[in-house]
Amino acid sequence: MNNRAWYSNFAKSIARTSGRPKTFMLAAAVIVVWLVTGPLFGFSDTWQLVINTGTTIVTFLMVFLIQNTQNRDSEALQIKIDELIRATKGAHLALLDLEELEQDELDAFRQRYEALAAAARKALEQGHQDTGSPEA
């Protein structure tokens, strides 16, 4: 198994596990144990440093795992949307892969669709339907 596949499988597994109630309860239990041991260690700087360091490390690593999961999910969703556009008769194929465009190009598409939406709302107010292809 190559490094990418290993990391992807690892990230998926950790993301799935970290979102479970049992994992939350384990994290809460660690905090409770840390709090209970406070008097035992005299609420020392070392006692505080243990929780601060532990939570910082976990947070730092989780950011990368969560980002990996988000990127993968977002890419899969975009591919599915692209396929729906491609398979829909009368759909504008120029809308495929919009996430790769520059912001000014996206703004131009958004303005066009905002105008179409405004025209459809106006048509609804006048008792017309807002279904079908606006170009027809």
C-alpha atoms as a PDB file:
ATOM      1  CA  MET A   1       0.000   0.000   0.000  1.00  0.00           C
ATOM      2  CA  ASN A   2       1.446   3.391  -0.958  1.00  0.00           C
ATOM      3  CA  ASN A   3       1.850   6.300   1.471  1.00  0.00           C
ATOM      4  CA  ARG A   4      -1.188   8.193   0.163  1.00  0.00           C
ATOM      5  CA  ALA A   5      -3.501   5.234   0.535  1.00  0.00           C
ATOM      6  CA  TRP A   6      -2.130   4.530   4.007  1.00  0.00           C
ATOM      7  CA  TYR A   7      -2.655   8.129   5.132  1.00  0.00           C
ATOM      8  CA  SER A   8      -6.098   8.321   3.557  1.00  0.00           C
ATOM      9  CA  ASN A   9      -7.234   5.131   5.294  1.00  0.00           C
ATOM     10  CA  PHE A  10      -5.670   6.276   8.569  1.00  0.00           C
ATOM     11  CA  ALA A  11      -7.334   9.719   8.345  1.00  0.00           C
ATOM     12  CA  LYS A  12     -10.739   8.179   7.546  1.00  0.00           C
ATOM     13  CA  SER A  13     -10.419   5.790  10.469  1.00  0.00           C
ATOM     14  CA  ILE A  14      -9.387   8.508  12.942  1.00  0.00           C
ATOM     15  CA  ALA A  15     -12.098  10.891  11.691  1.00  0.00           C
ATOM     16  CA  ARG A  16     -14.748   8.179  12.088  1.00  0.00           C
ATOM     17  CA  THR A  17     -13.498   7.222  15.531  1.00  0.00           C
ATOM     18  CA  SER A  18     -13.100  10.778  16.805  1.00  0.00           C
ATOM     19  CA  GLY A  19     -16.704  11.599  16.000  1.00  0.00           C
ATOM     20  CA  ARG A  20     -18.170   8.812  18.098  1.00  0.00           C
ATOM     21  CA  PRO A  21     -19.774   9.307  21.522  1.00  0.00           C
ATOM     22  CA  LYS A  22     -17.374   6.826  23.138  1.00  0.00           C
ATOM     23  CA  THR A  23     -14.413   8.930  22.002  1.00  0.00           C
ATOM     24  CA  PHE A  24     -15.990  12.056  23.448  1.00  0.00           C
ATOM     25  CA  MET A  25     -16.612  10.242  26.717  1.00  0.00           C
ATOM     26  CA  LEU A  26     -12.976   9.089  26.786  1.00  0.00           C
ATOM     27  CA  ALA A  27     -11.791  12.668  26.265  1.00  0.00           C
ATOM     28  CA  ALA A  28     -14.150  13.905  28.991  1.00  0.00           C
ATOM     29  CA  ALA A  29     -12.859  11.159  31.317  1.00  0.00           C
ATOM     30  CA  VAL A  30      -9.268  12.273  30.701  1.00  0.00           C
ATOM     31  CA  ILE A  31     -10.253  15.818  31.699  1.00  0.00           C
ATOM     32  CA  VAL A  32     -12.018  14.561  34.834  1.00  0.00           C
ATOM     33  CA  VAL A  33      -8.969  12.482  35.812  1.00  0.00           C
ATOM     34  CA  TRP A  34      -6.762  15.513  35.220  1.00  0.00           C
ATOM     35  CA  LEU A  35      -9.042  17.690  37.383  1.00  0.00           C
ATOM     36  CA  VAL A  36      -9.199  15.109  40.165  1.00  0.00           C
ATOM     37  CA  THR A  37      -5.400  14.824  40.243  1.00  0.00           C
ATOM     38  CA  GLY A  38      -5.063  18.603  40.634  1.00  0.00           C
ATOM     39  CA  PRO A  39      -5.023  18.560  44.460  1.00  0.00           C
ATOM     40  CA  LEU A  40      -2.690  15.555  44.422  1.00  0.00           C
ATOM     41  CA  PHE A  41      -0.119  17.559  42.439  1.00  0.00           C
ATOM     42  CA  GLY A  42      -0.892  20.829  44.196  1.00  0.00           C
ATOM     43  CA  PHE A  43      -2.261  22.381  41.014  1.00  0.00           C
ATOM     44  CA  SER A  44       1.359  22.808  39.964  1.00  0.00           C
ATOM     45  CA  ASP A  45       2.643  24.314  36.757  1.00  0.00           C
ATOM     46  CA  THR A  46       3.648  20.836  35.601  1.00  0.00           C
ATOM     47  CA  TRP A  47       0.121  19.574  36.246  1.00  0.00           C
ATOM     48  CA  GLN A  48      -1.261  22.387  34.069  1.00  0.00           C
ATOM     49  CA  LEU A  49       1.416  21.879  31.446  1.00  0.00           C
ATOM     50  CA  VAL A  50       0.424  18.224  31.010  1.00  0.00           C
ATOM     51  CA  ILE A  51      -3.137  19.061  29.932  1.00  0.00           C
ATOM     52  CA  ASN A  52      -2.083  22.086  27.889  1.00  0.00           C
ATOM     53  CA  THR A  53       0.552  20.129  25.995  1.00  0.00           C
ATOM     54  CA  GLY A  54      -1.709  17.116  25.466  1.00  0.00           C
ATOM     55  CA  THR A  55      -4.636  19.125  24.159  1.00  0.00           C
ATOM     56  CA  THR A  56      -2.387  21.241  21.944  1.00  0.00           C
ATOM     57  CA  ILE A  57      -0.824  18.173  20.334  1.00  0.00           C
ATOM     58  CA  VAL A  58      -4.180  16.477  19.782  1.00  0.00           C
ATOM     59  CA  THR A  59      -5.693  19.670  18.351  1.00  0.00           C
ATOM     60  CA  PHE A  60      -2.719  20.259  16.051  1.00  0.00           C
ATOM     61  CA  LEU A  61      -2.886  16.737  14.624  1.00  0.00           C
ATOM     62  CA  MET A  62      -6.679  16.724  14.339  1.00  0.00           C
ATOM     63  CA  VAL A  63      -6.613  19.870  12.191  1.00  0.00           C
ATOM     64  CA  PHE A  64      -4.719  17.974   9.488  1.00  0.00           C
ATOM     65  CA  LEU A  65      -6.894  14.889   9.729  1.00  0.00           C
ATOM     66  CA  ILE A  66     -10.105  16.920   9.598  1.00  0.00           C
ATOM     67  CA  GLN A  67      -8.816  18.945   6.641  1.00  0.00           C
ATOM     68  CA  ASN A  68      -7.944  15.739   4.788  1.00  0.00           C
ATOM     69  CA  THR A  69     -11.427  14.372   5.400  1.00  0.00           C
ATOM     70  CA  GLN A  70     -13.056  17.656   4.353  1.00  0.00           C
ATOM     71  CA  ASN A  71     -10.989  17.842   1.166  1.00  0.00           C
ATOM     72  CA  ARG A  72     -11.878  14.272   0.199  1.00  0.00           C
ATOM     73  CA  ASP A  73     -15.584  14.736   0.982  1.00  0.00           C
ATOM     74  CA  SER A  74     -15.700  18.049  -0.870  1.00  0.00           C
ATOM     75  CA  GLU A  75     -14.009  16.586  -3.928  1.00  0.00           C
ATOM     76  CA  ALA A  76     -16.361  13.595  -3.991  1.00  0.00           C
ATOM     77  CA  LEU A  77     -19.375  15.897  -3.663  1.00  0.00           C
ATOM     78  CA  GLN A  78     -18.130  18.116  -6.504  1.00  0.00           C
ATOM     79  CA  ILE A  79     -17.692  15.074  -8.755  1.00  0.00           C
ATOM     80  CA  LYS A  80     -21.227  13.927  -7.952  1.00  0.00           C
ATOM     81  CA  ILE A  81     -22.629  17.377  -8.699  1.00  0.00           C
ATOM     82  CA  ASP A  82     -20.655  17.522 -11.945  1.00  0.00           C
ATOM     83  CA  GLU A  83     -22.146  14.164 -12.947  1.00  0.00           C
ATOM     84  CA  LEU A  84     -25.679  15.395 -12.197  1.00  0.00           C
ATOM     85  CA  ILE A  85     -25.069  18.472 -14.344  1.00  0.00           C
ATOM     86  CA  ARG A  86     -23.555  16.360 -17.129  1.00  0.00           C
ATOM     87  CA  ALA A  87     -26.451  13.891 -17.099  1.00  0.00           C
ATOM     88  CA  THR A  88     -29.215  16.518 -16.989  1.00  0.00           C
ATOM     89  CA  LYS A  89     -30.693  17.342 -20.382  1.00  0.00           C
ATOM     90  CA  GLY A  90     -30.488  21.055 -21.047  1.00  0.00           C
ATOM     91  CA  ALA A  91     -27.952  21.683 -18.286  1.00  0.00           C
ATOM     92  CA  HIS A  92     -25.132  24.122 -18.943  1.00  0.00           C
ATOM     93  CA  LEU A  93     -21.963  22.055 -19.135  1.00  0.00           C
ATOM     94  CA  ALA A  94     -19.951  25.235 -18.525  1.00  0.00           C
ATOM     95  CA  LEU A  95     -20.998  24.837 -14.892  1.00  0.00           C
ATOM     96  CA  LEU A  96     -18.894  21.692 -14.554  1.00  0.00           C
ATOM     97  CA  ASP A  97     -15.833  22.119 -12.361  1.00  0.00           C
ATOM     98  CA  LEU A  98     -16.716  25.672 -11.267  1.00  0.00           C
ATOM     99  CA  GLU A  99     -14.587  25.306  -8.138  1.00  0.00           C
ATOM    100  CA  GLU A 100     -11.514  25.622 -10.363  1.00  0.00           C
ATOM    101  CA  LEU A 101     -12.454  29.092 -11.683  1.00  0.00           C
ATOM    102  CA  GLU A 102     -11.088  32.394 -10.441  1.00  0.00           C
ATOM    103  CA  GLN A 103     -13.297  34.548  -8.225  1.00  0.00           C
ATOM    104  CA  ASP A 104     -14.219  37.056 -10.953  1.00  0.00           C
ATOM    105  CA  GLU A 105     -15.403  34.212 -13.201  1.00  0.00           C
ATOM    106  CA  LEU A 106     -17.470  32.776 -10.342  1.00  0.00           C
ATOM    107  CA  ASP A 107     -18.938  36.223  -9.692  1.00  0.00           C
ATOM    108  CA  ALA A 108     -20.038  36.461 -13.336  1.00  0.00           C
ATOM    109  CA  PHE A 109     -21.823  33.093 -13.092  1.00  0.00           C
ATOM    110  CA  ARG A 110     -23.399  34.101  -9.763  1.00  0.00           C
ATOM    111  CA  GLN A 111     -24.710  37.365 -11.232  1.00  0.00           C
ATOM    112  CA  ARG A 112     -26.242  35.504 -14.161  1.00  0.00           C
ATOM    113  CA  TYR A 113     -28.034  33.069 -11.861  1.00  0.00           C
ATOM    114  CA  GLU A 114     -29.132  35.831  -9.487  1.00  0.00           C
ATOM    115  CA  ALA A 115     -30.743  37.554 -12.480  1.00  0.00           C
ATOM    116  CA  LEU A 116     -32.458  34.305 -13.489  1.00  0.00           C
ATOM    117  CA  ALA A 117     -33.736  33.850  -9.917  1.00  0.00           C
ATOM    118  CA  ALA A 118     -35.052  37.408  -9.789  1.00  0.00           C
ATOM    119  CA  ALA A 119     -36.857  36.924 -13.106  1.00  0.00           C
ATOM    120  CA  ALA A 120     -38.350  33.639 -11.886  1.00  0.00           C
ATOM    121  CA  ARG A 121     -39.611  35.269  -8.663  1.00  0.00           C
ATOM    122  CA  LYS A 122     -41.169  38.088 -10.676  1.00  0.00           C
ATOM    123  CA  ALA A 123     -42.842  35.519 -12.936  1.00  0.00           C
ATOM    124  CA  LEU A 124     -44.191  33.709  -9.862  1.00  0.00           C
ATOM    125  CA  GLU A 125     -45.672  36.949  -8.547  1.00  0.00           C
ATOM    126  CA  GLN A 126     -47.451  37.327 -11.886  1.00  0.00           C
ATOM    127  CA  GLY A 127     -48.881  33.816 -11.620  1.00  0.00           C
ATOM    128  CA  HIS A 128     -46.482  32.074 -13.983  1.00  0.00           C
ATOM    129  CA  GLN A 129     -44.537  28.903 -13.276  1.00  0.00           C
ATOM    130  CA  ASP A 130     -40.852  29.016 -12.439  1.00  0.00           C
ATOM    131  CA  THR A 131     -40.001  25.561 -13.764  1.00  0.00           C
ATOM    132  CA  GLY A 132     -38.323  24.582 -16.980  1.00  0.00           C
ATOM    133  CA  SER A 133     -35.424  26.067 -18.852  1.00  0.00           C
ATOM    134  CA  PRO A 134     -35.265  29.873 -18.773  1.00  0.00           C
ATOM    135  CA  GLU A 135     -33.677  29.890 -22.229  1.00  0.00           C
ATOM    136  CA  ALA A 136     -36.618  28.032 -23.809  1.00  0.00           C
END
